Full PDB file with SEQRES, HELIX, SHEET, SSBOND, CRYST1, ORIGX, SCALE, CONECT and MASTER records, all heavy atoms in Angstrom:
SEQRES   1 A   32  ARG THR ARG ASN TYR GLY PRO THR LEU ALA GLY GLU GLU          
SEQRES   2 A   32  TRP THR ARG ASP GLN TYR HIS ASN LEU ILE SER LEU ARG          
SEQRES   3 A   32  LEU LEU TYR VAL LEU ASN                                      
SHEET    1 AA1 2 THR A   2  TYR A   5  0                                        
SHEET    2 AA1 2 TRP A  14  ASP A  17 -1                                        
CRYST1    1.000    1.000    1.000  90.00  90.00  90.00 P 1           1          
ORIGX1      1.000000  0.000000  0.000000        0.00000                         
ORIGX2      0.000000  1.000000  0.000000        0.00000                         
ORIGX3      0.000000  0.000000  1.000000        0.00000                         
SCALE1      1.000000  0.000000  0.000000        0.00000                         
SCALE2      0.000000  1.000000  0.000000        0.00000                         
SCALE3      0.000000  0.000000  1.000000        0.00000                         
ATOM      1  N   ARG A   1       0.964-101.096  -0.278  1.00  0.00           N  
ATOM      2  CA  ARG A   1       0.607-102.030   0.795  1.00  0.00           C  
ATOM      3  C   ARG A   1      -0.791-101.700   1.308  1.00  0.00           C  
ATOM      4  O   ARG A   1      -1.213-100.541   1.278  1.00  0.00           O  
ATOM      5  CB  ARG A   1       1.600-101.932   1.957  1.00  0.00           C  
ATOM      6  CG  ARG A   1       1.311-102.858   3.129  1.00  0.00           C  
ATOM      7  CD  ARG A   1       2.252-102.603   4.290  1.00  0.00           C  
ATOM      8  NE  ARG A   1       1.998-103.503   5.401  1.00  0.00           N  
ATOM      9  CZ  ARG A   1       2.635-103.468   6.568  1.00  0.00           C  
ATOM     10  NH1 ARG A   1       3.589-102.566   6.773  1.00  0.00           N  
ATOM     11  NH2 ARG A   1       2.344-104.326   7.536  1.00  0.00           N  
ATOM     12  N   THR A   2      -1.508-102.701   1.784  1.00  0.00           N  
ATOM     13  CA  THR A   2      -2.742-102.505   2.544  1.00  0.00           C  
ATOM     14  C   THR A   2      -2.493-103.027   3.952  1.00  0.00           C  
ATOM     15  O   THR A   2      -2.103-104.188   4.129  1.00  0.00           O  
ATOM     16  CB  THR A   2      -3.923-103.251   1.903  1.00  0.00           C  
ATOM     17  OG1 THR A   2      -4.158-102.721   0.599  1.00  0.00           O  
ATOM     18  CG2 THR A   2      -5.182-103.069   2.744  1.00  0.00           C  
ATOM     19  N   ARG A   3      -2.723-102.168   4.950  1.00  0.00           N  
ATOM     20  CA  ARG A   3      -2.388-102.551   6.324  1.00  0.00           C  
ATOM     21  C   ARG A   3      -3.593-102.421   7.237  1.00  0.00           C  
ATOM     22  O   ARG A   3      -4.360-101.458   7.148  1.00  0.00           O  
ATOM     23  CB  ARG A   3      -1.247-101.679   6.858  1.00  0.00           C  
ATOM     24  CG  ARG A   3      -0.861-102.032   8.288  1.00  0.00           C  
ATOM     25  CD  ARG A   3       0.431-101.396   8.713  1.00  0.00           C  
ATOM     26  NE  ARG A   3       0.734-101.748  10.089  1.00  0.00           N  
ATOM     27  CZ  ARG A   3       1.834-101.389  10.750  1.00  0.00           C  
ATOM     28  NH1 ARG A   3       2.747-100.653  10.116  1.00  0.00           N  
ATOM     29  NH2 ARG A   3       2.030-101.738  11.998  1.00  0.00           N  
ATOM     30  N   ASN A   4      -3.720-103.382   8.124  1.00  0.00           N  
ATOM     31  CA  ASN A   4      -4.758-103.372   9.153  1.00  0.00           C  
ATOM     32  C   ASN A   4      -4.180-102.814  10.452  1.00  0.00           C  
ATOM     33  O   ASN A   4      -3.093-103.223  10.869  1.00  0.00           O  
ATOM     34  CB  ASN A   4      -5.301-104.775   9.393  1.00  0.00           C  
ATOM     35  CG  ASN A   4      -5.936-105.379   8.153  1.00  0.00           C  
ATOM     36  OD1 ASN A   4      -6.645-104.694   7.429  1.00  0.00           O  
ATOM     37  ND2 ASN A   4      -5.666-106.652   7.893  1.00  0.00           N  
ATOM     38  N   TYR A   5      -4.899-101.888  11.080  1.00  0.00           N  
ATOM     39  CA  TYR A   5      -4.476-101.277  12.339  1.00  0.00           C  
ATOM     40  C   TYR A   5      -5.453-101.658  13.448  1.00  0.00           C  
ATOM     41  O   TYR A   5      -6.641-101.847  13.208  1.00  0.00           O  
ATOM     42  CB  TYR A   5      -4.429 -99.750  12.210  1.00  0.00           C  
ATOM     43  CG  TYR A   5      -3.310 -99.256  11.330  1.00  0.00           C  
ATOM     44  CD1 TYR A   5      -3.514 -99.050   9.970  1.00  0.00           C  
ATOM     45  CD2 TYR A   5      -2.058 -99.003  11.850  1.00  0.00           C  
ATOM     46  CE1 TYR A   5      -2.493 -98.591   9.154  1.00  0.00           C  
ATOM     47  CE2 TYR A   5      -1.016 -98.539  11.045  1.00  0.00           C  
ATOM     48  CZ  TYR A   5      -1.248 -98.336   9.701  1.00  0.00           C  
ATOM     49  OH  TYR A   5      -0.236 -97.891   8.904  1.00  0.00           O  
ATOM     50  N   GLY A   6      -4.921-101.703  14.681  1.00  0.00           N  
ATOM     51  CA  GLY A   6      -5.740-102.040  15.839  1.00  0.00           C  
ATOM     52  C   GLY A   6      -5.589-103.502  16.223  1.00  0.00           C  
ATOM     53  O   GLY A   6      -4.754-104.221  15.669  1.00  0.00           O  
ATOM     54  N   PRO A   7      -6.383-103.979  17.163  1.00  0.00           N  
ATOM     55  CA  PRO A   7      -7.423-103.174  17.841  1.00  0.00           C  
ATOM     56  C   PRO A   7      -6.835-102.259  18.912  1.00  0.00           C  
ATOM     57  O   PRO A   7      -5.819-102.574  19.515  1.00  0.00           O  
ATOM     58  CB  PRO A   7      -8.318-104.247  18.468  1.00  0.00           C  
ATOM     59  CG  PRO A   7      -7.383-105.392  18.732  1.00  0.00           C  
ATOM     60  CD  PRO A   7      -6.387-105.379  17.603  1.00  0.00           C  
ATOM     61  N   THR A   8      -7.480-101.111  19.118  1.00  0.00           N  
ATOM     62  CA  THR A   8      -7.110-100.196  20.181  1.00  0.00           C  
ATOM     63  C   THR A   8      -7.718-100.661  21.502  1.00  0.00           C  
ATOM     64  O   THR A   8      -8.419-101.681  21.553  1.00  0.00           O  
ATOM     65  CB  THR A   8      -7.602 -98.774  19.852  1.00  0.00           C  
ATOM     66  OG1 THR A   8      -9.046 -98.781  19.809  1.00  0.00           O  
ATOM     67  CG2 THR A   8      -7.081 -98.314  18.496  1.00  0.00           C  
ATOM     68  N   LEU A   9      -7.444 -99.912  22.558  1.00  0.00           N  
ATOM     69  CA  LEU A   9      -8.031-100.246  23.861  1.00  0.00           C  
ATOM     70  C   LEU A   9      -9.548-100.188  23.809  1.00  0.00           C  
ATOM     71  O   LEU A   9     -10.243-100.894  24.558  1.00  0.00           O  
ATOM     72  CB  LEU A   9      -7.505 -99.287  24.935  1.00  0.00           C  
ATOM     73  CG  LEU A   9      -5.998 -99.394  25.241  1.00  0.00           C  
ATOM     74  CD1 LEU A   9      -5.589 -98.337  26.256  1.00  0.00           C  
ATOM     75  CD2 LEU A   9      -5.640-100.790  25.737  1.00  0.00           C  
ATOM     76  N   ALA A  10     -10.072 -99.354  22.887  1.00  0.00           N  
ATOM     77  CA  ALA A  10     -11.529 -99.255  22.740  1.00  0.00           C  
ATOM     78  C   ALA A  10     -12.080-100.308  21.772  1.00  0.00           C  
ATOM     79  O   ALA A  10     -13.270-100.320  21.479  1.00  0.00           O  
ATOM     80  CB  ALA A  10     -11.913 -97.865  22.253  1.00  0.00           C  
ATOM     81  N   GLY A  11     -11.171-101.176  21.253  1.00  0.00           N  
ATOM     82  CA  GLY A  11     -11.609-102.221  20.357  1.00  0.00           C  
ATOM     83  C   GLY A  11     -11.761-101.797  18.912  1.00  0.00           C  
ATOM     84  O   GLY A  11     -12.339-102.536  18.109  1.00  0.00           O  
ATOM     85  N   GLU A  12     -11.221-100.630  18.539  1.00  0.00           N  
ATOM     86  CA  GLU A  12     -11.358-100.124  17.167  1.00  0.00           C  
ATOM     87  C   GLU A  12     -10.309-100.745  16.250  1.00  0.00           C  
ATOM     88  O   GLU A  12      -9.151-100.924  16.635  1.00  0.00           O  
ATOM     89  CB  GLU A  12     -11.212 -98.600  17.152  1.00  0.00           C  
ATOM     90  CG  GLU A  12     -12.293 -97.863  17.935  1.00  0.00           C  
ATOM     91  CD  GLU A  12     -12.059 -96.361  17.953  1.00  0.00           C  
ATOM     92  OE1 GLU A  12     -10.892 -95.948  17.766  1.00  0.00           O  
ATOM     93  OE2 GLU A  12     -13.024 -95.621  18.139  1.00  0.00           O  
ATOM     94  N   GLU A  13     -10.718-101.064  15.040  1.00  0.00           N  
ATOM     95  CA  GLU A  13      -9.829-101.558  14.002  1.00  0.00           C  
ATOM     96  C   GLU A  13     -10.124-100.824  12.700  1.00  0.00           C  
ATOM     97  O   GLU A  13     -11.264-100.440  12.448  1.00  0.00           O  
ATOM     98  CB  GLU A  13     -10.021-103.066  13.800  1.00  0.00           C  
ATOM     99  CG  GLU A  13      -9.657-103.906  15.012  1.00  0.00           C  
ATOM    100  CD  GLU A  13      -9.749-105.402  14.714  1.00  0.00           C  
ATOM    101  OE1 GLU A  13      -9.477-105.783  13.545  1.00  0.00           O  
ATOM    102  OE2 GLU A  13     -10.095-106.162  15.622  1.00  0.00           O  
ATOM    103  N   TRP A  14      -9.084-100.628  11.863  1.00  0.00           N  
ATOM    104  CA  TRP A  14      -9.289 -99.973  10.576  1.00  0.00           C  
ATOM    105  C   TRP A  14      -8.217-100.434   9.580  1.00  0.00           C  
ATOM    106  O   TRP A  14      -7.185-100.994   9.977  1.00  0.00           O  
ATOM    107  CB  TRP A  14      -9.276 -98.453  10.720  1.00  0.00           C  
ATOM    108  CG  TRP A  14      -7.981 -97.850  11.169  1.00  0.00           C  
ATOM    109  CD1 TRP A  14      -7.025 -97.273  10.382  1.00  0.00           C  
ATOM    110  CD2 TRP A  14      -7.490 -97.756  12.517  1.00  0.00           C  
ATOM    111  NE1 TRP A  14      -5.979 -96.821  11.146  1.00  0.00           N  
ATOM    112  CE2 TRP A  14      -6.240 -97.101  12.462  1.00  0.00           C  
ATOM    113  CE3 TRP A  14      -7.984 -98.144  13.768  1.00  0.00           C  
ATOM    114  CZ2 TRP A  14      -5.474 -96.846  13.587  1.00  0.00           C  
ATOM    115  CZ3 TRP A  14      -7.231 -97.905  14.905  1.00  0.00           C  
ATOM    116  CH2 TRP A  14      -5.994 -97.256  14.807  1.00  0.00           C  
ATOM    117  N   THR A  15      -8.496-100.216   8.314  1.00  0.00           N  
ATOM    118  CA  THR A  15      -7.613-100.636   7.222  1.00  0.00           C  
ATOM    119  C   THR A  15      -7.286 -99.435   6.353  1.00  0.00           C  
ATOM    120  O   THR A  15      -8.159 -98.631   6.043  1.00  0.00           O  
ATOM    121  CB  THR A  15      -8.276-101.728   6.369  1.00  0.00           C  
ATOM    122  OG1 THR A  15      -8.581-102.852   7.198  1.00  0.00           O  
ATOM    123  CG2 THR A  15      -7.355-102.166   5.240  1.00  0.00           C  
ATOM    124  N   ARG A  16      -6.007 -99.323   5.932  1.00  0.00           N  
ATOM    125  CA  ARG A  16      -5.594 -98.209   5.078  1.00  0.00           C  
ATOM    126  C   ARG A  16      -4.671 -98.701   3.971  1.00  0.00           C  
ATOM    127  O   ARG A  16      -3.771 -99.525   4.200  1.00  0.00           O  
ATOM    128  CB  ARG A  16      -4.879 -97.127   5.891  1.00  0.00           C  
ATOM    129  CG  ARG A  16      -5.747 -96.452   6.944  1.00  0.00           C  
ATOM    130  CD  ARG A  16      -5.125 -95.175   7.442  1.00  0.00           C  
ATOM    131  NE  ARG A  16      -5.071 -94.163   6.397  1.00  0.00           N  
ATOM    132  CZ  ARG A  16      -4.542 -92.946   6.575  1.00  0.00           C  
ATOM    133  NH1 ARG A  16      -4.029 -92.616   7.742  1.00  0.00           N  
ATOM    134  NH2 ARG A  16      -4.538 -92.078   5.587  1.00  0.00           N  
ATOM    135  N   ASP A  17      -4.902 -98.178   2.758  1.00  0.00           N  
ATOM    136  CA  ASP A  17      -3.973 -98.400   1.650  1.00  0.00           C  
ATOM    137  C   ASP A  17      -2.837 -97.390   1.755  1.00  0.00           C  
ATOM    138  O   ASP A  17      -3.047 -96.233   2.150  1.00  0.00           O  
ATOM    139  CB  ASP A  17      -4.689 -98.239   0.306  1.00  0.00           C  
ATOM    140  CG  ASP A  17      -5.715 -99.325   0.066  1.00  0.00           C  
ATOM    141  OD1 ASP A  17      -5.568-100.432   0.641  1.00  0.00           O  
ATOM    142  OD2 ASP A  17      -6.681 -99.068  -0.681  1.00  0.00           O  
ATOM    143  N   GLN A  18      -1.626 -97.799   1.379  1.00  0.00           N  
ATOM    144  CA  GLN A  18      -0.450 -96.951   1.533  1.00  0.00           C  
ATOM    145  C   GLN A  18       0.158 -96.609   0.174  1.00  0.00           C  
ATOM    146  O   GLN A  18       0.190 -97.448  -0.738  1.00  0.00           O  
ATOM    147  CB  GLN A  18       0.585 -97.642   2.419  1.00  0.00           C  
ATOM    148  CG  GLN A  18       0.077 -97.886   3.839  1.00  0.00           C  
ATOM    149  CD  GLN A  18       1.118 -98.507   4.745  1.00  0.00           C  
ATOM    150  OE1 GLN A  18       2.184 -98.924   4.304  1.00  0.00           O  
ATOM    151  NE2 GLN A  18       0.816 -98.549   6.024  1.00  0.00           N  
ATOM    152  N   TYR A  19       0.657 -95.349   0.077  1.00  0.00           N  
ATOM    153  CA  TYR A  19       1.208 -94.834  -1.170  1.00  0.00           C  
ATOM    154  C   TYR A  19       2.460 -94.002  -0.872  1.00  0.00           C  
ATOM    155  O   TYR A  19       2.505 -93.275   0.122  1.00  0.00           O  
ATOM    156  CB  TYR A  19       0.201 -93.933  -1.898  1.00  0.00           C  
ATOM    157  CG  TYR A  19      -1.105 -94.611  -2.230  1.00  0.00           C  
ATOM    158  CD1 TYR A  19      -2.134 -94.668  -1.292  1.00  0.00           C  
ATOM    159  CD2 TYR A  19      -1.319 -95.181  -3.481  1.00  0.00           C  
ATOM    160  CE1 TYR A  19      -3.343 -95.282  -1.587  1.00  0.00           C  
ATOM    161  CE2 TYR A  19      -2.517 -95.789  -3.794  1.00  0.00           C  
ATOM    162  CZ  TYR A  19      -3.526 -95.847  -2.839  1.00  0.00           C  
ATOM    163  OH  TYR A  19      -4.723 -96.455  -3.139  1.00  0.00           O  
ATOM    164  N   HIS A  20       3.455 -94.084  -1.750  1.00  0.00           N  
ATOM    165  CA  HIS A  20       4.634 -93.230  -1.624  1.00  0.00           C  
ATOM    166  C   HIS A  20       4.280 -91.782  -1.984  1.00  0.00           C  
ATOM    167  O   HIS A  20       3.525 -91.526  -2.923  1.00  0.00           O  
ATOM    168  CB  HIS A  20       5.748 -93.706  -2.553  1.00  0.00           C  
ATOM    169  CG  HIS A  20       6.494 -94.895  -2.047  1.00  0.00           C  
ATOM    170  ND1 HIS A  20       7.122 -94.926  -0.823  1.00  0.00           N  
ATOM    171  CD2 HIS A  20       6.725 -96.110  -2.620  1.00  0.00           C  
ATOM    172  CE1 HIS A  20       7.706 -96.086  -0.656  1.00  0.00           C  
ATOM    173  NE2 HIS A  20       7.482 -96.833  -1.717  1.00  0.00           N  
ATOM    174  N   ASN A  21       4.869 -90.844  -1.237  1.00  0.00           N  
ATOM    175  CA  ASN A  21       4.702 -89.408  -1.465  1.00  0.00           C  
ATOM    176  C   ASN A  21       6.093 -88.803  -1.346  1.00  0.00           C  
ATOM    177  O   ASN A  21       6.685 -88.807  -0.263  1.00  0.00           O  
ATOM    178  CB  ASN A  21       3.743 -88.840  -0.423  1.00  0.00           C  
ATOM    179  CG  ASN A  21       3.245 -87.457  -0.788  1.00  0.00           C  
ATOM    180  OD1 ASN A  21       3.773 -86.807  -1.685  1.00  0.00           O  
ATOM    181  ND2 ASN A  21       2.236 -86.981  -0.094  1.00  0.00           N  
ATOM    182  N   LEU A  22       6.632 -88.261  -2.442  1.00  0.00           N  
ATOM    183  CA  LEU A  22       8.070 -88.003  -2.512  1.00  0.00           C  
ATOM    184  C   LEU A  22       8.387 -86.663  -3.152  1.00  0.00           C  
ATOM    185  O   LEU A  22       7.809 -86.295  -4.176  1.00  0.00           O  
ATOM    186  CB  LEU A  22       8.722 -89.129  -3.338  1.00  0.00           C  
ATOM    187  CG  LEU A  22      10.231 -89.152  -3.474  1.00  0.00           C  
ATOM    188  CD1 LEU A  22      10.870 -89.576  -2.159  1.00  0.00           C  
ATOM    189  CD2 LEU A  22      10.630 -90.129  -4.579  1.00  0.00           C  
ATOM    190  N   ILE A  23       9.335 -85.925  -2.537  1.00  0.00           N  
ATOM    191  CA  ILE A  23       9.895 -84.702  -3.107  1.00  0.00           C  
ATOM    192  C   ILE A  23      11.390 -84.921  -3.260  1.00  0.00           C  
ATOM    193  O   ILE A  23      12.070 -85.318  -2.311  1.00  0.00           O  
ATOM    194  CB  ILE A  23       9.619 -83.488  -2.217  1.00  0.00           C  
ATOM    195  CG1 ILE A  23       8.112 -83.240  -2.075  1.00  0.00           C  
ATOM    196  CG2 ILE A  23      10.302 -82.244  -2.786  1.00  0.00           C  
ATOM    197  CD1 ILE A  23       7.763 -82.158  -1.072  1.00  0.00           C  
ATOM    198  N   SER A  24      11.917 -84.648  -4.459  1.00  0.00           N  
ATOM    199  CA  SER A  24      13.339 -84.839  -4.737  1.00  0.00           C  
ATOM    200  C   SER A  24      13.975 -83.514  -5.144  1.00  0.00           C  
ATOM    201  O   SER A  24      13.399 -82.755  -5.919  1.00  0.00           O  
ATOM    202  CB  SER A  24      13.549 -85.864  -5.862  1.00  0.00           C  
ATOM    203  OG  SER A  24      12.936 -87.095  -5.557  1.00  0.00           O  
ATOM    204  N   LEU A  25      15.175 -83.257  -4.620  1.00  0.00           N  
ATOM    205  CA  LEU A  25      15.983 -82.100  -5.008  1.00  0.00           C  
ATOM    206  C   LEU A  25      17.287 -82.640  -5.564  1.00  0.00           C  
ATOM    207  O   LEU A  25      18.053 -83.294  -4.853  1.00  0.00           O  
ATOM    208  CB  LEU A  25      16.236 -81.173  -3.820  1.00  0.00           C  
ATOM    209  CG  LEU A  25      17.078 -79.923  -4.099  1.00  0.00           C  
ATOM    210  CD1 LEU A  25      16.379 -79.030  -5.108  1.00  0.00           C  
ATOM    211  CD2 LEU A  25      17.353 -79.151  -2.815  1.00  0.00           C  
ATOM    212  N   ARG A  26      17.534 -82.355  -6.879  1.00  0.00           N  
ATOM    213  CA  ARG A  26      18.652 -83.000  -7.552  1.00  0.00           C  
ATOM    214  C   ARG A  26      19.492 -81.991  -8.337  1.00  0.00           C  
ATOM    215  O   ARG A  26      19.023 -80.930  -8.715  1.00  0.00           O  
ATOM    216  CB  ARG A  26      18.128 -84.081  -8.506  1.00  0.00           C  
ATOM    217  CG  ARG A  26      17.038 -84.957  -7.904  1.00  0.00           C  
ATOM    218  CD  ARG A  26      16.645 -86.099  -8.806  1.00  0.00           C  
ATOM    219  NE  ARG A  26      16.220 -85.656 -10.125  1.00  0.00           N  
ATOM    220  CZ  ARG A  26      16.032 -86.475 -11.164  1.00  0.00           C  
ATOM    221  NH1 ARG A  26      16.242 -87.764 -11.016  1.00  0.00           N  
ATOM    222  NH2 ARG A  26      15.630 -86.011 -12.335  1.00  0.00           N  
ATOM    223  N   LEU A  27      20.744 -82.376  -8.582  1.00  0.00           N  
ATOM    224  CA  LEU A  27      21.617 -81.653  -9.494  1.00  0.00           C  
ATOM    225  C   LEU A  27      21.768 -82.496 -10.757  1.00  0.00           C  
ATOM    226  O   LEU A  27      22.009 -83.702 -10.681  1.00  0.00           O  
ATOM    227  CB  LEU A  27      22.985 -81.405  -8.865  1.00  0.00           C  
ATOM    228  CG  LEU A  27      23.061 -80.339  -7.772  1.00  0.00           C  
ATOM    229  CD1 LEU A  27      24.473 -80.288  -7.201  1.00  0.00           C  
ATOM    230  CD2 LEU A  27      22.661 -78.971  -8.301  1.00  0.00           C  
ATOM    231  N   LEU A  28      21.644 -81.843 -11.923  1.00  0.00           N  
ATOM    232  CA  LEU A  28      21.778 -82.510 -13.205  1.00  0.00           C  
ATOM    233  C   LEU A  28      22.931 -81.884 -13.980  1.00  0.00           C  
ATOM    234  O   LEU A  28      22.995 -80.662 -14.117  1.00  0.00           O  
ATOM    235  CB  LEU A  28      20.488 -82.376 -14.029  1.00  0.00           C  
ATOM    236  CG  LEU A  28      19.163 -82.692 -13.339  1.00  0.00           C  
ATOM    237  CD1 LEU A  28      18.014 -82.471 -14.319  1.00  0.00           C  
ATOM    238  CD2 LEU A  28      19.147 -84.112 -12.806  1.00  0.00           C  
ATOM    239  N   TYR A  29      23.831 -82.720 -14.473  1.00  0.00           N  
ATOM    240  CA  TYR A  29      24.882 -82.220 -15.354  1.00  0.00           C  
ATOM    241  C   TYR A  29      24.651 -82.832 -16.730  1.00  0.00           C  
ATOM    242  O   TYR A  29      24.670 -84.057 -16.896  1.00  0.00           O  
ATOM    243  CB  TYR A  29      26.275 -82.579 -14.839  1.00  0.00           C  
ATOM    244  CG  TYR A  29      27.369 -81.896 -15.628  1.00  0.00           C  
ATOM    245  CD1 TYR A  29      27.716 -80.583 -15.349  1.00  0.00           C  
ATOM    246  CD2 TYR A  29      28.020 -82.555 -16.668  1.00  0.00           C  
ATOM    247  CE1 TYR A  29      28.695 -79.932 -16.084  1.00  0.00           C  
ATOM    248  CE2 TYR A  29      28.997 -81.918 -17.407  1.00  0.00           C  
ATOM    249  CZ  TYR A  29      29.330 -80.598 -17.108  1.00  0.00           C  
ATOM    250  OH  TYR A  29      30.294 -79.956 -17.839  1.00  0.00           O  
ATOM    251  N   VAL A  30      24.401 -81.967 -17.719  1.00  0.00           N  
ATOM    252  CA  VAL A  30      24.010 -82.411 -19.058  1.00  0.00           C  
ATOM    253  C   VAL A  30      25.241 -82.524 -19.948  1.00  0.00           C  
ATOM    254  O   VAL A  30      26.028 -81.580 -20.076  1.00  0.00           O  
ATOM    255  CB  VAL A  30      22.988 -81.438 -19.678  1.00  0.00           C  
ATOM    256  CG1 VAL A  30      22.517 -81.958 -21.030  1.00  0.00           C  
ATOM    257  CG2 VAL A  30      21.807 -81.237 -18.741  1.00  0.00           C  
ATOM    258  N   LEU A  31      25.391 -83.690 -20.582  1.00  0.00           N  
ATOM    259  CA  LEU A  31      26.509 -83.953 -21.489  1.00  0.00           C  
ATOM    260  C   LEU A  31      26.044 -83.834 -22.940  1.00  0.00           C  
ATOM    261  O   LEU A  31      24.876 -84.064 -23.251  1.00  0.00           O  
ATOM    262  CB  LEU A  31      27.055 -85.355 -21.234  1.00  0.00           C  
ATOM    263  CG  LEU A  31      27.457 -85.691 -19.788  1.00  0.00           C  
ATOM    264  CD1 LEU A  31      27.788 -87.165 -19.674  1.00  0.00           C  
ATOM    265  CD2 LEU A  31      28.633 -84.839 -19.341  1.00  0.00           C  
ATOM    266  N   ASN A  32      26.964 -83.494 -23.818  1.00  0.00           N  
ATOM    267  CA  ASN A  32      26.704 -83.448 -25.258  1.00  0.00           C  
ATOM    268  C   ASN A  32      25.597 -82.453 -25.616  1.00  0.00           C  
ATOM    269  O   ASN A  32      24.830 -82.658 -26.542  1.00  0.00           O  
ATOM    270  CB  ASN A  32      26.318 -84.847 -25.773  1.00  0.00           C  
ATOM    271  CG  ASN A  32      26.498 -84.983 -27.266  1.00  0.00           C  
ATOM    272  OD1 ASN A  32      27.399 -84.390 -27.843  1.00  0.00           O  
ATOM    273  ND2 ASN A  32      25.637 -85.762 -27.896  1.00  0.00           N  
TER     274      ASN A  32                                                      
MASTER        0    0    0    0    2    0    0    6  273    1    0    3          
END                                                                             
């Protein structure tokens, strides 16, 4: 996603691109 933020009380606006950041902890049971 690309998101626009603001305006703040000071009138500031900015744009940021968004990305997933993920850590997974899993159990695996292997067959065959």
